[in-house]
């Protein structure tokens, strides 16, 4: 099921929204490659948490 998620762009620091298929609770942690609307670069987004790979913010 696709839903909109909000993540922080690691390049610009802006919060951006993008569609992402949610991960089931029993699946291992998976990342999905998305095109960032803020910087137009690619980021890996954790499907369980909605955080970009390398984002250490709380």
Protein backbone atom coordinates (compact mmCIF):
# COMPACT_ATOMS: atom_id res chain seq x y z
CA UNK A 1 0.00 0.00 0.00
CA UNK A 2 1.47 3.34 -1.05
CA UNK A 3 1.22 6.31 1.27
CA UNK A 4 2.81 9.73 1.55
CA UNK A 5 5.76 10.02 3.93
CA UNK A 6 7.73 13.03 5.08
CA UNK A 7 11.51 12.82 5.39
CA UNK A 8 14.35 15.28 5.93
CA UNK A 9 16.52 15.80 2.87
CA UNK A 10 20.10 15.12 4.00
CA UNK A 11 21.44 17.60 1.46
CA UNK A 12 19.20 20.62 2.12
CA UNK A 13 17.76 19.83 5.57
CA UNK A 14 14.26 20.53 4.25
CA UNK A 15 11.32 18.31 5.14
CA UNK A 16 9.85 16.87 1.96
CA UNK A 17 6.91 14.64 1.14
CA UNK A 18 6.96 11.73 -1.30
CA UNK A 19 4.93 8.55 -1.94
CA UNK A 20 6.46 5.37 -0.50
CA UNK A 21 5.21 1.82 -0.11
CA UNK A 22 5.02 1.11 3.63
CA UNK A 23 6.88 -1.85 5.05
CA UNK A 24 5.14 -4.62 6.95
CA UNK A 25 6.21 -4.99 10.58
CA UNK A 26 7.62 -8.50 10.06
CA UNK A 27 9.86 -7.54 7.09
CA UNK A 28 13.55 -6.80 7.57
CA UNK A 29 14.56 -3.14 7.41
CA UNK A 30 14.44 -2.17 3.75
CA UNK A 31 15.36 1.02 1.98
CA UNK A 32 13.76 2.40 -1.15
CA UNK A 33 15.47 4.71 -3.63
CA UNK A 34 13.47 7.92 -4.13
CA UNK A 35 14.03 11.12 -6.05
CA UNK A 36 14.04 14.03 -3.61
CA UNK A 37 11.68 16.89 -4.54
CA UNK A 38 13.89 19.36 -2.63
CA UNK A 39 17.29 18.71 -4.24
CA UNK A 40 16.39 16.40 -7.18
CA UNK A 41 19.03 13.89 -6.01
CA UNK A 42 18.42 10.26 -5.07
CA UNK A 43 18.16 9.18 -1.42
CA UNK A 44 17.61 5.81 0.22
CA UNK A 45 14.59 6.04 2.55
CA UNK A 46 13.99 3.49 5.30
CA UNK A 47 10.54 2.03 4.62
CA UNK A 48 9.85 1.41 8.31
CA UNK A 49 10.96 4.76 9.78
CA UNK A 50 10.74 7.14 6.82
CA UNK A 51 14.29 8.39 7.49
CA UNK A 52 16.92 8.93 4.83
CA UNK A 53 19.99 6.69 5.02
CA UNK A 54 22.58 8.50 7.12
CA UNK A 55 20.06 10.81 8.83
CA UNK A 56 21.02 10.83 12.51
CA UNK A 57 18.37 13.33 13.65
CA UNK A 58 15.74 12.28 16.17
